[in-house]
Each structure stands twice: as C-alpha cells, then as structure tokens.
C-alpha atoms as a PDB file:
ATOM      1  CA  MET A   1      29.603  -1.486   8.560  1.00  0.00           C
ATOM      2  CA  THR A   2      25.866  -1.450   7.854  1.00  0.00           C
ATOM      3  CA  ALA A   3      24.042  -4.715   8.323  1.00  0.00           C
ATOM      4  CA  SER A   4      21.506  -5.743   5.707  1.00  0.00           C
ATOM      5  CA  LYS A   5      19.402  -8.739   4.886  1.00  0.00           C
ATOM      6  CA  LEU A   6      17.280  -9.624   1.865  1.00  0.00           C
ATOM      7  CA  PHE A   7      14.076 -11.590   2.268  1.00  0.00           C
ATOM      8  CA  GLU A   8      11.272 -12.577  -0.052  1.00  0.00           C
ATOM      9  CA  PHE A   9       7.781 -13.992   0.205  1.00  0.00           C
ATOM     10  CA  GLN A  10       5.028 -14.989  -2.186  1.00  0.00           C
ATOM     11  CA  VAL A  11       1.615 -13.389  -2.570  1.00  0.00           C
ATOM     12  CA  GLN A  12      -1.187 -15.262  -4.308  1.00  0.00           C
ATOM     13  CA  THR A  13      -3.729 -12.889  -5.796  1.00  0.00           C
ATOM     14  CA  THR A  14      -7.227 -14.117  -6.554  1.00  0.00           C
ATOM     15  CA  ALA A  15      -8.723 -11.253  -8.555  1.00  0.00           C
ATOM     16  CA  HIS A  16      -7.849  -9.209 -11.616  1.00  0.00           C
ATOM     17  CA  THR A  17      -7.351  -6.084  -9.493  1.00  0.00           C
ATOM     18  CA  GLN A  18      -6.737  -6.497  -5.803  1.00  0.00           C
ATOM     19  CA  MET A  19      -5.279  -4.655  -2.822  1.00  0.00           C
ATOM     20  CA  LEU A  20      -3.718  -7.012  -0.249  1.00  0.00           C
ATOM     21  CA  ASN A  21      -2.484  -5.948   3.182  1.00  0.00           C
ATOM     22  CA  ILE A  22       1.078  -7.319   3.535  1.00  0.00           C
ATOM     23  CA  THR A  23       1.977  -5.414   6.710  1.00  0.00           C
ATOM     24  CA  ARG A  24       2.141  -8.531   8.910  1.00  0.00           C
ATOM     25  CA  GLN A  25       4.491 -10.374   6.560  1.00  0.00           C
ATOM     26  CA  VAL A  26       6.812  -7.351   6.305  1.00  0.00           C
ATOM     27  CA  ALA A  27       6.715  -6.703  10.078  1.00  0.00           C
ATOM     28  CA  LYS A  28       7.603 -10.354  10.743  1.00  0.00           C
ATOM     29  CA  ILE A  29      10.581 -10.114   8.388  1.00  0.00           C
ATOM     30  CA  VAL A  30      11.794  -6.923  10.084  1.00  0.00           C
ATOM     31  CA  ALA A  31      11.546  -8.608  13.506  1.00  0.00           C
ATOM     32  CA  GLU A  32      13.389 -11.708  12.252  1.00  0.00           C
ATOM     33  CA  SER A  33      16.130  -9.635  10.581  1.00  0.00           C
ATOM     34  CA  GLY A  34      17.626  -8.720  13.940  1.00  0.00           C
ATOM     35  CA  ILE A  35      18.092  -5.134  12.773  1.00  0.00           C
ATOM     36  CA  ALA A  36      17.005  -2.719  15.489  1.00  0.00           C
ATOM     37  CA  SER A  37      17.334   0.622  13.710  1.00  0.00           C
ATOM     38  CA  GLY A  38      17.410   1.417   9.995  1.00  0.00           C
ATOM     39  CA  ILE A  39      15.132   1.185   7.001  1.00  0.00           C
ATOM     40  CA  CYS A  40      13.019  -1.438   5.318  1.00  0.00           C
ATOM     41  CA  VAL A  41      12.537  -1.382   1.560  1.00  0.00           C
ATOM     42  CA  VAL A  42       9.652  -3.335   0.055  1.00  0.00           C
ATOM     43  CA  PHE A  43      10.159  -3.969  -3.664  1.00  0.00           C
ATOM     44  CA  ILE A  44       7.767  -5.497  -6.192  1.00  0.00           C
ATOM     45  CA  PRO A  45       9.649  -7.089  -9.160  1.00  0.00           C
ATOM     46  CA  HIS A  46       6.664  -7.100 -11.514  1.00  0.00           C
ATOM     47  CA  THR A  47       5.576  -4.568 -14.147  1.00  0.00           C
ATOM     48  CA  THR A  48       1.841  -5.030 -13.508  1.00  0.00           C
ATOM     49  CA  ALA A  49       1.840  -4.896  -9.702  1.00  0.00           C
ATOM     50  CA  ALA A  50       2.850  -2.248  -7.179  1.00  0.00           C
ATOM     51  CA  VAL A  51       3.132  -1.361  -3.499  1.00  0.00           C
ATOM     52  CA  THR A  52       1.734   1.513  -1.453  1.00  0.00           C
ATOM     53  CA  ILE A  53       1.102   2.603   2.130  1.00  0.00           C
ATOM     54  CA  ASN A  54      -2.467   3.496   3.013  1.00  0.00           C
ATOM     55  CA  GLU A  55      -5.133   3.255   5.709  1.00  0.00           C
ATOM     56  CA  ASN A  56      -5.596  -0.210   7.196  1.00  0.00           C
ATOM     57  CA  ALA A  57      -8.551   0.400   9.544  1.00  0.00           C
ATOM     58  CA  ASP A  58     -11.492   0.698   7.150  1.00  0.00           C
ATOM     59  CA  PRO A  59     -11.676  -1.817   4.264  1.00  0.00           C
ATOM     60  CA  ASP A  60     -13.841   0.655   2.352  1.00  0.00           C
ATOM     61  CA  VAL A  61     -10.660   2.686   1.741  1.00  0.00           C
ATOM     62  CA  GLN A  62      -9.243  -0.191  -0.319  1.00  0.00           C
ATOM     63  CA  THR A  63     -12.513  -0.561  -2.238  1.00  0.00           C
ATOM     64  CA  ASP A  64     -12.617   3.180  -2.940  1.00  0.00           C
ATOM     65  CA  PHE A  65      -8.933   3.218  -3.905  1.00  0.00           C
ATOM     66  CA  MET A  66      -9.276   0.447  -6.481  1.00  0.00           C
ATOM     67  CA  LYS A  67     -12.546   1.874  -7.821  1.00  0.00           C
ATOM     68  CA  GLU A  68     -10.966   5.273  -8.426  1.00  0.00           C
ATOM     69  CA  ILE A  69      -7.705   4.025  -9.960  1.00  0.00           C
ATOM     70  CA  ASN A  70      -9.792   1.940 -12.356  1.00  0.00           C
ATOM     71  CA  LYS A  71     -11.594   5.144 -13.375  1.00  0.00           C
ATOM     72  CA  ILE A  72      -8.325   7.030 -13.834  1.00  0.00           C
ATOM     73  CA  VAL A  73      -6.804   4.219 -15.924  1.00  0.00           C
ATOM     74  CA  PRO A  74      -9.613   2.150 -17.477  1.00  0.00           C
ATOM     75  CA  TRP A  75      -8.817  -1.412 -18.578  1.00  0.00           C
ATOM     76  CA  GLU A  76      -9.788  -0.692 -22.188  1.00  0.00           C
ATOM     77  CA  ASP A  77      -8.957   2.664 -23.734  1.00  0.00           C
ATOM     78  CA  GLY A  78      -7.533   1.993 -27.184  1.00  0.00           C
ATOM     79  CA  TYR A  79      -4.075   1.012 -25.901  1.00  0.00           C
ATOM     80  CA  LEU A  80      -1.564  -0.303 -28.442  1.00  0.00           C
ATOM     81  CA  HIS A  81       0.240  -2.810 -26.171  1.00  0.00           C
ATOM     82  CA  MET A  82      -0.444  -6.173 -27.832  1.00  0.00           C
ATOM     83  CA  GLU A  83      -0.645  -8.227 -24.613  1.00  0.00           C
ATOM     84  CA  GLY A  84      -3.835  -6.386 -23.677  1.00  0.00           C
ATOM     85  CA  ASN A  85      -2.681  -5.345 -20.202  1.00  0.00           C
ATOM     86  CA  ALA A  86      -1.427  -1.813 -20.847  1.00  0.00           C
ATOM     87  CA  ALA A  87      -3.680  -0.451 -18.094  1.00  0.00           C
ATOM     88  CA  ALA A  88      -1.960  -2.726 -15.561  1.00  0.00           C
ATOM     89  CA  HIS A  89       1.467  -1.420 -16.598  1.00  0.00           C
ATOM     90  CA  LEU A  90       0.271   2.184 -16.329  1.00  0.00           C
ATOM     91  CA  LYS A  91      -1.309   1.703 -12.870  1.00  0.00           C
ATOM     92  CA  ALA A  92       1.781  -0.062 -11.529  1.00  0.00           C
ATOM     93  CA  SER A  93       4.073   2.700 -12.768  1.00  0.00           C
ATOM     94  CA  LEU A  94       1.808   5.382 -11.309  1.00  0.00           C
ATOM     95  CA  MET A  95       1.758   3.702  -7.883  1.00  0.00           C
ATOM     96  CA  GLY A  96       5.401   2.607  -7.806  1.00  0.00           C
ATOM     97  CA  PHE A  97       7.351  -0.566  -7.287  1.00  0.00           C
ATOM     98  CA  SER A  98       8.851   0.166  -3.864  1.00  0.00           C
ATOM     99  CA  ALA A  99       8.120   1.636  -0.462  1.00  0.00           C
ATOM    100  CA  THR A 100      10.633   2.629   2.202  1.00  0.00           C
ATOM    101  CA  ILE A 101       9.649   2.391   5.871  1.00  0.00           C
ATOM    102  CA  LEU A 102      11.706   3.415   8.876  1.00  0.00           C
ATOM    103  CA  VAL A 103      12.690   0.733  11.414  1.00  0.00           C
ATOM    104  CA  GLU A 104      13.188   1.535  15.083  1.00  0.00           C
ATOM    105  CA  ASP A 105      13.433  -0.828  18.051  1.00  0.00           C
ATOM    106  CA  GLY A 106      13.170  -3.725  15.571  1.00  0.00           C
ATOM    107  CA  ARG A 107       9.734  -2.611  14.373  1.00  0.00           C
ATOM    108  CA  LEU A 108       8.263  -0.799  11.397  1.00  0.00           C
ATOM    109  CA  VAL A 109       7.587   2.879  12.045  1.00  0.00           C
ATOM    110  CA  LEU A 110       4.085   3.285  10.633  1.00  0.00           C
ATOM    111  CA  GLY A 111       1.297   5.630  11.622  1.00  0.00           C
ATOM    112  CA  THR A 112      -1.594   4.312  13.680  1.00  0.00           C
ATOM    113  CA  TRP A 113      -3.799   3.741  10.642  1.00  0.00           C
ATOM    114  CA  GLN A 114      -1.117   2.872   8.085  1.00  0.00           C
ATOM    115  CA  GLY A 115      -0.604  -0.487   6.402  1.00  0.00           C
ATOM    116  CA  ILE A 116       1.573  -1.744   3.552  1.00  0.00           C
ATOM    117  CA  TYR A 117      -0.381  -2.938   0.522  1.00  0.00           C
ATOM    118  CA  PHE A 118       0.448  -5.101  -2.463  1.00  0.00           C
ATOM    119  CA  LEU A 119      -1.489  -3.877  -5.506  1.00  0.00           C
ATOM    120  CA  GLU A 120      -2.422  -6.404  -8.188  1.00  0.00           C
ATOM    121  CA  TYR A 121      -3.478  -5.041 -11.567  1.00  0.00           C
ATOM    122  CA  ASP A 122      -3.220  -8.117 -13.822  1.00  0.00           C
ATOM    123  CA  GLY A 123      -4.242 -11.125 -11.742  1.00  0.00           C
ATOM    124  CA  SER A 124      -4.836 -13.603 -10.555  1.00  0.00           C
ATOM    125  CA  ARG A 125      -1.179 -14.565 -10.173  1.00  0.00           C
ATOM    126  CA  ASN A 126       1.501 -15.833  -7.856  1.00  0.00           C
ATOM    127  CA  ARG A 127       3.733 -12.828  -7.091  1.00  0.00           C
ATOM    128  CA  THR A 128       7.019 -12.232  -5.298  1.00  0.00           C
ATOM    129  CA  VAL A 129       7.686  -9.483  -2.769  1.00  0.00           C
ATOM    130  CA  TYR A 130      11.275  -8.601  -1.854  1.00  0.00           C
ATOM    131  CA  VAL A 131      12.082  -6.990   1.482  1.00  0.00           C
ATOM    132  CA  LYS A 132      15.508  -5.523   2.245  1.00  0.00           C
ATOM    133  CA  VAL A 133      16.189  -4.492   5.829  1.00  0.00           C
ATOM    134  CA  LEU A 134      19.182  -2.175   6.292  1.00  0.00           C
ATOM    135  CA  GLY A 135      20.604  -1.164   9.646  1.00  0.00           C
END
C-alpha cells in the first residue's frame, strides 16, 4: 500500500504580482511526512495564483520573470471579465496550479539552482498551498 499525507500552509502576499520562494516550507513538509521515496505534489487552490519551479540563486530571475509575464498578459487589455482581474486568471492558467517533484531519501529532488515558487497575480492576499507527499 502506498503511504500518503496531505499538508497545507498559508502564504501571505504583499504585492499585486509577486513571486515567493516556498521551497523551504515544502522541503520541511516532505521531511516531516516520513516518506523516504516517492513524489511531492504542490497544488494551488486559487484561480489567480500559480506555482512553478525556477532558478533560486539570482533574484533578478524572479524580477525578469514577472516583468515578462506582465508584458505577455497585460493587466488591462479590454477583457470582458467583470471582476477586473481577467489577466490574473490568464496568467495563473498559463503557469499552472500544480508542480510535481520527486522525493528520494526523504528530500526533494531539485536541481542545484531550482526552487519552488508561489506566483501571485491578484494580491495582496492570504493564500493556501496544499502539499501531498506520496510514497
């Protein structure tokens, strides 16, 4: 039988668009899960936020990332969505609501420069992140 555990934590965003490194929180959950080998799924249950894996060494990567996605999907572009946050929905769907990371020896299997990022597109808000560790 496969062991699995579901965890959650809160993220408080402080800007309208923001990229927050959540690698430490996810790594801590994986370590506490007691699962030595398997997968970790990070899921964002919001339609205006997302998750991605990207470089965690140079903070300019996050700045460049957010700058470019804001060019690709501008905040105002004649959208019909009456709440006024259509761009946030589009960005979140483009980036995705989940990431799957391998787990080995009770640790996340990430590349040297990789980190897990929560992407806020309609903040500031208090957000939930779900983490499911399967072994």
